[in-house]
Amino acid sequence: MDSQQITVLGQGAVSAAPDAMRLNAGVEVRKASAGEAFAAVRAAAVRLLRTLTEAGLDAKDLRTSELSLGPEYENYPKVSAYRAAQGVEAVVRDLSQADRIIDLVAGVGEEARLNGVSFEISDPVSALKDARDRAFKDARAKAEQYAGLAGRPLGQVVSISEEADAPPRPMMMAAAAMADQSSISPGEQSVTVSVRVVYAFGG
């Protein structure tokens, strides 16, 4: 390590309100045969997707997240039923419609499943810029303090590297909590940045 340099880690965080909801839903059926189960789950999935598109969601905001078919056993190897499931992930960009869309999904039929929701910031660029500003100022303040403690003047920046940070973590909500409409609340998320800055000591 160069004794004429000082390395500091600056951190910056900005709170931002999510503007989109990611809904994990799906359909699930059990039938006596694999063919019946698969046909039934596909029909239910068509109803679910039609419900979501008729609610105003764009096709690009809908994707299949699961497709499964398999036996269930009463006493192995005796098959009691065949279970088929298809999952759908939907992005709701108008949060004022969140409750209505969840109600519509629940109304698709007894095959419908609500597996949870998460909230996210669809375009975090502005928040990231603010967080970087704060992180660099934090690094500068630390470097000035350490240089002062060492009795040395602080010189120029030698290098800057942004540390890998996880994206804003969505706030998860169990499907069971969805019955209370007041629980559908996006709250805020923290966008964080860490930056490693190397300074030279001044002459």
C-alpha atoms as a PDB file:
ATOM      1  CA  MET A   1       0.000   0.000   0.000  1.00  0.00           C
ATOM      2  CA  ASP A   2       1.344   3.438  -0.951  1.00  0.00           C
ATOM      3  CA  SER A   3       2.097   5.380   2.242  1.00  0.00           C
ATOM      4  CA  GLN A   4       1.524   8.610   0.322  1.00  0.00           C
ATOM      5  CA  GLN A   5      -2.113   7.765  -0.351  1.00  0.00           C
ATOM      6  CA  ILE A   6      -5.291   7.493   1.669  1.00  0.00           C
ATOM      7  CA  THR A   7      -8.208   5.221   0.746  1.00  0.00           C
ATOM      8  CA  VAL A   8     -11.741   5.838   1.982  1.00  0.00           C
ATOM      9  CA  LEU A   9     -15.149   4.309   1.390  1.00  0.00           C
ATOM     10  CA  GLY A  10     -18.027   6.749   0.988  1.00  0.00           C
ATOM     11  CA  GLN A  11     -21.678   5.812   1.233  1.00  0.00           C
ATOM     12  CA  GLY A  12     -24.790   7.590   0.055  1.00  0.00           C
ATOM     13  CA  ALA A  13     -28.458   6.718   0.329  1.00  0.00           C
ATOM     14  CA  VAL A  14     -31.599   8.273  -1.122  1.00  0.00           C
ATOM     15  CA  SER A  15     -35.177   7.320  -0.320  1.00  0.00           C
ATOM     16  CA  ALA A  16     -37.598   7.124  -3.222  1.00  0.00           C
ATOM     17  CA  ALA A  17     -41.214   6.100  -3.581  1.00  0.00           C
ATOM     18  CA  PRO A  18     -41.811   3.007  -5.742  1.00  0.00           C
ATOM     19  CA  ASP A  19     -43.956   3.632  -8.803  1.00  0.00           C
ATOM     20  CA  ALA A  20     -44.703   0.058  -9.912  1.00  0.00           C
ATOM     21  CA  MET A  21     -46.008  -3.145  -8.374  1.00  0.00           C
ATOM     22  CA  ARG A  22     -44.900  -6.614  -9.435  1.00  0.00           C
ATOM     23  CA  LEU A  23     -47.705  -9.110  -8.874  1.00  0.00           C
ATOM     24  CA  ASN A  24     -46.980 -12.831  -8.699  1.00  0.00           C
ATOM     25  CA  ALA A  25     -50.168 -14.712  -9.471  1.00  0.00           C
ATOM     26  CA  GLY A  26     -51.138 -17.966 -11.110  1.00  0.00           C
ATOM     27  CA  VAL A  27     -53.597 -20.795 -11.471  1.00  0.00           C
ATOM     28  CA  GLU A  28     -53.509 -24.319 -10.072  1.00  0.00           C
ATOM     29  CA  VAL A  29     -55.716 -27.364 -10.659  1.00  0.00           C
ATOM     30  CA  ARG A  30     -55.891 -31.020  -9.666  1.00  0.00           C
ATOM     31  CA  LYS A  31     -57.503 -33.612 -11.918  1.00  0.00           C
ATOM     32  CA  ALA A  32     -57.695 -37.380 -12.243  1.00  0.00           C
ATOM     33  CA  SER A  33     -55.444 -37.485 -15.322  1.00  0.00           C
ATOM     34  CA  ALA A  34     -52.432 -35.521 -16.491  1.00  0.00           C
ATOM     35  CA  GLY A  35     -54.191 -34.531 -19.714  1.00  0.00           C
ATOM     36  CA  GLU A  36     -57.211 -33.186 -17.856  1.00  0.00           C
ATOM     37  CA  ALA A  37     -55.045 -31.246 -15.426  1.00  0.00           C
ATOM     38  CA  PHE A  38     -52.940 -29.688 -18.168  1.00  0.00           C
ATOM     39  CA  ALA A  39     -55.957 -28.712 -20.263  1.00  0.00           C
ATOM     40  CA  ALA A  40     -57.715 -27.220 -17.247  1.00  0.00           C
ATOM     41  CA  VAL A  41     -54.734 -25.179 -16.112  1.00  0.00           C
ATOM     42  CA  ARG A  42     -54.139 -23.833 -19.612  1.00  0.00           C
ATOM     43  CA  ALA A  43     -57.783 -22.753 -19.850  1.00  0.00           C
ATOM     44  CA  ALA A  44     -57.574 -21.077 -16.441  1.00  0.00           C
ATOM     45  CA  ALA A  45     -54.329 -19.331 -17.434  1.00  0.00           C
ATOM     46  CA  VAL A  46     -56.010 -17.946 -20.554  1.00  0.00           C
ATOM     47  CA  ARG A  47     -58.773 -16.508 -18.352  1.00  0.00           C
ATOM     48  CA  LEU A  48     -56.210 -14.994 -16.001  1.00  0.00           C
ATOM     49  CA  LEU A  49     -54.218 -13.368 -18.801  1.00  0.00           C
ATOM     50  CA  ARG A  50     -57.388 -12.088 -20.454  1.00  0.00           C
ATOM     51  CA  THR A  51     -58.487 -10.582 -17.133  1.00  0.00           C
ATOM     52  CA  LEU A  52     -55.158  -8.787 -16.747  1.00  0.00           C
ATOM     53  CA  THR A  53     -55.105  -7.411 -20.287  1.00  0.00           C
ATOM     54  CA  GLU A  54     -58.733  -6.283 -20.046  1.00  0.00           C
ATOM     55  CA  ALA A  55     -57.772  -4.497 -16.823  1.00  0.00           C
ATOM     56  CA  GLY A  56     -55.396  -2.364 -18.892  1.00  0.00           C
ATOM     57  CA  LEU A  57     -52.048  -4.082 -18.416  1.00  0.00           C
ATOM     58  CA  ASP A  58     -49.717  -4.054 -21.403  1.00  0.00           C
ATOM     59  CA  ALA A  59     -48.719  -7.400 -22.911  1.00  0.00           C
ATOM     60  CA  LYS A  60     -45.032  -6.544 -22.373  1.00  0.00           C
ATOM     61  CA  ASP A  61     -45.703  -6.357 -18.638  1.00  0.00           C
ATOM     62  CA  LEU A  62     -46.991  -9.938 -18.477  1.00  0.00           C
ATOM     63  CA  ARG A  63     -44.851 -13.061 -18.514  1.00  0.00           C
ATOM     64  CA  THR A  64     -45.198 -16.726 -17.640  1.00  0.00           C
ATOM     65  CA  SER A  65     -43.149 -17.449 -14.517  1.00  0.00           C
ATOM     66  CA  GLU A  66     -43.965 -21.129 -13.985  1.00  0.00           C
ATOM     67  CA  LEU A  67     -45.472 -24.090 -15.816  1.00  0.00           C
ATOM     68  CA  SER A  68     -45.593 -27.442 -14.053  1.00  0.00           C
ATOM     69  CA  LEU A  69     -47.414 -30.765 -14.212  1.00  0.00           C
ATOM     70  CA  GLY A  70     -46.923 -33.792 -12.004  1.00  0.00           C
ATOM     71  CA  PRO A  71     -48.551 -36.569  -9.981  1.00  0.00           C
ATOM     72  CA  GLU A  72     -49.547 -36.439  -6.342  1.00  0.00           C
ATOM     73  CA  TYR A  73     -49.486 -39.642  -4.314  1.00  0.00           C
ATOM     74  CA  GLU A  74     -51.881 -40.928  -1.694  1.00  0.00           C
ATOM     75  CA  ASN A  75     -49.821 -44.010  -0.898  1.00  0.00           C
ATOM     76  CA  TYR A  76     -46.797 -44.312  -3.167  1.00  0.00           C
ATOM     77  CA  PRO A  77     -46.878 -45.463  -5.914  1.00  0.00           C
ATOM     78  CA  LYS A  78     -50.648 -44.931  -6.036  1.00  0.00           C
ATOM     79  CA  VAL A  79     -51.418 -41.618  -7.766  1.00  0.00           C
ATOM     80  CA  SER A  80     -54.235 -39.677  -6.111  1.00  0.00           C
ATOM     81  CA  ALA A  81     -54.341 -36.785  -8.616  1.00  0.00           C
ATOM     82  CA  TYR A  82     -52.348 -34.788 -11.119  1.00  0.00           C
ATOM     83  CA  ARG A  83     -51.455 -31.227 -10.233  1.00  0.00           C
ATOM     84  CA  ALA A  84     -50.855 -28.584 -12.895  1.00  0.00           C
ATOM     85  CA  ALA A  85     -49.859 -24.982 -12.250  1.00  0.00           C
ATOM     86  CA  GLN A  86     -49.015 -21.949 -14.322  1.00  0.00           C
ATOM     87  CA  GLY A  87     -47.620 -18.745 -12.844  1.00  0.00           C
ATOM     88  CA  VAL A  88     -47.915 -15.236 -14.224  1.00  0.00           C
ATOM     89  CA  GLU A  89     -45.826 -12.224 -13.260  1.00  0.00           C
ATOM     90  CA  ALA A  90     -47.521  -8.899 -13.962  1.00  0.00           C
ATOM     91  CA  VAL A  91     -46.150  -5.373 -13.613  1.00  0.00           C
ATOM     92  CA  VAL A  92     -48.755  -2.811 -12.568  1.00  0.00           C
ATOM     93  CA  ARG A  93     -47.471   0.667 -13.459  1.00  0.00           C
ATOM     94  CA  ASP A  94     -50.487   2.573 -12.156  1.00  0.00           C
ATOM     95  CA  LEU A  95     -50.450   1.981  -8.409  1.00  0.00           C
ATOM     96  CA  SER A  96     -53.914   3.492  -8.033  1.00  0.00           C
ATOM     97  CA  GLN A  97     -55.174   0.351  -9.796  1.00  0.00           C
ATOM     98  CA  ALA A  98     -53.331  -2.126  -7.554  1.00  0.00           C
ATOM     99  CA  ASP A  99     -56.270  -3.077  -5.335  1.00  0.00           C
ATOM    100  CA  ARG A 100     -58.641  -3.409  -8.285  1.00  0.00           C
ATOM    101  CA  ILE A 101     -56.296  -5.686 -10.219  1.00  0.00           C
ATOM    102  CA  ILE A 102     -55.692  -7.913  -7.196  1.00  0.00           C
ATOM    103  CA  ASP A 103     -59.462  -8.223  -6.740  1.00  0.00           C
ATOM    104  CA  LEU A 104     -59.859  -9.127 -10.419  1.00  0.00           C
ATOM    105  CA  VAL A 105     -57.220 -11.857 -10.148  1.00  0.00           C
ATOM    106  CA  ALA A 106     -58.937 -13.306  -7.089  1.00  0.00           C
ATOM    107  CA  GLY A 107     -62.182 -13.335  -9.064  1.00  0.00           C
ATOM    108  CA  VAL A 108     -60.814 -15.468 -11.901  1.00  0.00           C
ATOM    109  CA  GLY A 109     -62.039 -18.591 -10.130  1.00  0.00           C
ATOM    110  CA  GLU A 110     -61.136 -21.220  -7.582  1.00  0.00           C
ATOM    111  CA  GLU A 111     -58.001 -22.000  -9.604  1.00  0.00           C
ATOM    112  CA  ALA A 112     -56.568 -18.515  -8.953  1.00  0.00           C
ATOM    113  CA  ARG A 113     -53.540 -18.109  -6.709  1.00  0.00           C
ATOM    114  CA  LEU A 114     -52.045 -14.898  -5.293  1.00  0.00           C
ATOM    115  CA  ASN A 115     -48.429 -15.561  -4.352  1.00  0.00           C
ATOM    116  CA  GLY A 116     -47.360 -12.073  -3.303  1.00  0.00           C
ATOM    117  CA  VAL A 117     -46.415  -8.619  -4.510  1.00  0.00           C
ATOM    118  CA  SER A 118     -43.309  -6.459  -4.505  1.00  0.00           C
ATOM    119  CA  PHE A 119     -42.906  -2.753  -5.157  1.00  0.00           C
ATOM    120  CA  GLU A 120     -40.109  -1.275  -7.243  1.00  0.00           C
ATOM    121  CA  ILE A 121     -38.707   1.904  -8.725  1.00  0.00           C
ATOM    122  CA  SER A 122     -39.024   1.518 -12.481  1.00  0.00           C
ATOM    123  CA  ASP A 123     -36.379   4.156 -13.295  1.00  0.00           C
ATOM    124  CA  PRO A 124     -33.872   4.581 -10.435  1.00  0.00           C
ATOM    125  CA  VAL A 125     -31.386   6.691 -12.469  1.00  0.00           C
ATOM    126  CA  SER A 126     -32.192  10.011 -10.768  1.00  0.00           C
ATOM    127  CA  ALA A 127     -32.060   8.468  -7.293  1.00  0.00           C
ATOM    128  CA  LEU A 128     -28.748   6.775  -8.137  1.00  0.00           C
ATOM    129  CA  LYS A 129     -27.238  10.107  -9.228  1.00  0.00           C
ATOM    130  CA  ASP A 130     -28.227  11.713  -5.933  1.00  0.00           C
ATOM    131  CA  ALA A 131     -26.871   8.732  -3.996  1.00  0.00           C
ATOM    132  CA  ARG A 132     -23.545   8.978  -5.874  1.00  0.00           C
ATOM    133  CA  ASP A 133     -23.283  12.683  -5.011  1.00  0.00           C
ATOM    134  CA  ARG A 134     -23.805  11.868  -1.358  1.00  0.00           C
ATOM    135  CA  ALA A 135     -21.381   8.949  -1.446  1.00  0.00           C
ATOM    136  CA  PHE A 136     -18.599  11.054  -2.961  1.00  0.00           C
ATOM    137  CA  LYS A 137     -19.163  13.890  -0.478  1.00  0.00           C
ATOM    138  CA  ASP A 138     -19.043  11.328   2.323  1.00  0.00           C
ATOM    139  CA  ALA A 139     -15.755   9.954   0.989  1.00  0.00           C
ATOM    140  CA  ARG A 140     -14.295  13.461   0.717  1.00  0.00           C
ATOM    141  CA  ALA A 141     -15.296  14.335   4.282  1.00  0.00           C
ATOM    142  CA  LYS A 142     -13.716  11.137   5.616  1.00  0.00           C
ATOM    143  CA  ALA A 143     -10.507  11.714   3.672  1.00  0.00           C
ATOM    144  CA  GLU A 144     -10.222  15.284   4.961  1.00  0.00           C
ATOM    145  CA  GLN A 145     -10.766  14.108   8.524  1.00  0.00           C
ATOM    146  CA  TYR A 146      -8.155  11.352   8.310  1.00  0.00           C
ATOM    147  CA  ALA A 147      -5.646  13.618   6.602  1.00  0.00           C
ATOM    148  CA  GLY A 148      -6.146  16.180   9.370  1.00  0.00           C
ATOM    149  CA  LEU A 149      -5.689  13.517  12.044  1.00  0.00           C
ATOM    150  CA  ALA A 150      -2.467  12.480  10.339  1.00  0.00           C
ATOM    151  CA  GLY A 151      -1.284  16.067  10.134  1.00  0.00           C
ATOM    152  CA  ARG A 152      -1.083  15.923   6.347  1.00  0.00           C
ATOM    153  CA  PRO A 153      -2.730  18.055   3.665  1.00  0.00           C
ATOM    154  CA  LEU A 154      -5.122  16.247   1.349  1.00  0.00           C
ATOM    155  CA  GLY A 155      -4.114  16.113  -2.297  1.00  0.00           C
ATOM    156  CA  GLN A 156      -5.773  15.101  -5.562  1.00  0.00           C
ATOM    157  CA  VAL A 157      -7.982  12.125  -6.290  1.00  0.00           C
ATOM    158  CA  VAL A 158      -5.959   9.183  -7.603  1.00  0.00           C
ATOM    159  CA  SER A 159      -8.806   6.786  -8.391  1.00  0.00           C
ATOM    160  CA  ILE A 160     -12.537   6.286  -7.930  1.00  0.00           C
ATOM    161  CA  SER A 161     -14.359   2.966  -8.033  1.00  0.00           C
ATOM    162  CA  GLU A 162     -17.995   2.274  -7.307  1.00  0.00           C
ATOM    163  CA  GLU A 163     -18.588  -0.731  -5.102  1.00  0.00           C
ATOM    164  CA  ALA A 164     -21.168  -3.258  -6.254  1.00  0.00           C
ATOM    165  CA  ASP A 165     -24.405  -2.683  -4.380  1.00  0.00           C
ATOM    166  CA  ALA A 166     -27.621  -4.679  -4.601  1.00  0.00           C
ATOM    167  CA  PRO A 167     -30.500  -2.918  -6.376  1.00  0.00           C
ATOM    168  CA  PRO A 168     -33.286  -1.446  -4.232  1.00  0.00           C
ATOM    169  CA  ARG A 169     -34.810  -4.343  -2.366  1.00  0.00           C
ATOM    170  CA  PRO A 170     -38.546  -4.725  -3.009  1.00  0.00           C
ATOM    171  CA  MET A 171     -40.760  -4.892   0.034  1.00  0.00           C
ATOM    172  CA  MET A 172     -42.451  -8.277   0.001  1.00  0.00           C
ATOM    173  CA  MET A 173     -45.953  -8.888   1.252  1.00  0.00           C
ATOM    174  CA  ALA A 174     -47.507 -12.276   1.904  1.00  0.00           C
ATOM    175  CA  ALA A 175     -50.569 -13.065  -0.156  1.00  0.00           C
ATOM    176  CA  ALA A 176     -52.556 -13.662   3.031  1.00  0.00           C
ATOM    177  CA  ALA A 177     -52.166 -10.005   3.962  1.00  0.00           C
ATOM    178  CA  MET A 178     -53.831  -8.856   0.767  1.00  0.00           C
ATOM    179  CA  ALA A 179     -57.315  -9.279   2.154  1.00  0.00           C
ATOM    180  CA  ASP A 180     -56.931  -5.942   3.925  1.00  0.00           C
ATOM    181  CA  GLN A 181     -56.795  -3.284   1.203  1.00  0.00           C
ATOM    182  CA  SER A 182     -54.970  -0.885   3.505  1.00  0.00           C
ATOM    183  CA  SER A 183     -52.006  -3.277   3.438  1.00  0.00           C
ATOM    184  CA  ILE A 184     -51.352  -2.529  -0.244  1.00  0.00           C
ATOM    185  CA  SER A 185     -48.921   0.296   0.409  1.00  0.00           C
ATOM    186  CA  PRO A 186     -45.662   0.858  -1.514  1.00  0.00           C
ATOM    187  CA  GLY A 187     -43.956   2.925   1.191  1.00  0.00           C
ATOM    188  CA  GLU A 188     -40.407   3.979   0.275  1.00  0.00           C
ATOM    189  CA  GLN A 189     -37.199   2.244  -0.748  1.00  0.00           C
ATOM    190  CA  SER A 190     -33.594   3.189  -0.155  1.00  0.00           C
ATOM    191  CA  VAL A 191     -31.246   3.478  -3.140  1.00  0.00           C
ATOM    192  CA  THR A 192     -27.660   3.156  -1.894  1.00  0.00           C
ATOM    193  CA  VAL A 193     -24.243   3.652  -3.465  1.00  0.00           C
ATOM    194  CA  SER A 194     -20.778   2.931  -2.059  1.00  0.00           C
ATOM    195  CA  VAL A 195     -17.701   4.481  -3.638  1.00  0.00           C
ATOM    196  CA  ARG A 196     -14.030   3.784  -2.927  1.00  0.00           C
ATOM    197  CA  VAL A 197     -11.839   6.853  -3.437  1.00  0.00           C
ATOM    198  CA  VAL A 198      -8.061   6.983  -3.267  1.00  0.00           C
ATOM    199  CA  TYR A 199      -6.484  10.374  -2.533  1.00  0.00           C
ATOM    200  CA  ALA A 200      -2.852  11.379  -2.596  1.00  0.00           C
ATOM    201  CA  PHE A 201      -1.497  13.367   0.322  1.00  0.00           C
ATOM    202  CA  GLY A 202      -0.655  16.943  -0.590  1.00  0.00           C
ATOM    203  CA  GLY A 203       2.867  18.200  -0.825  1.00  0.00           C
END
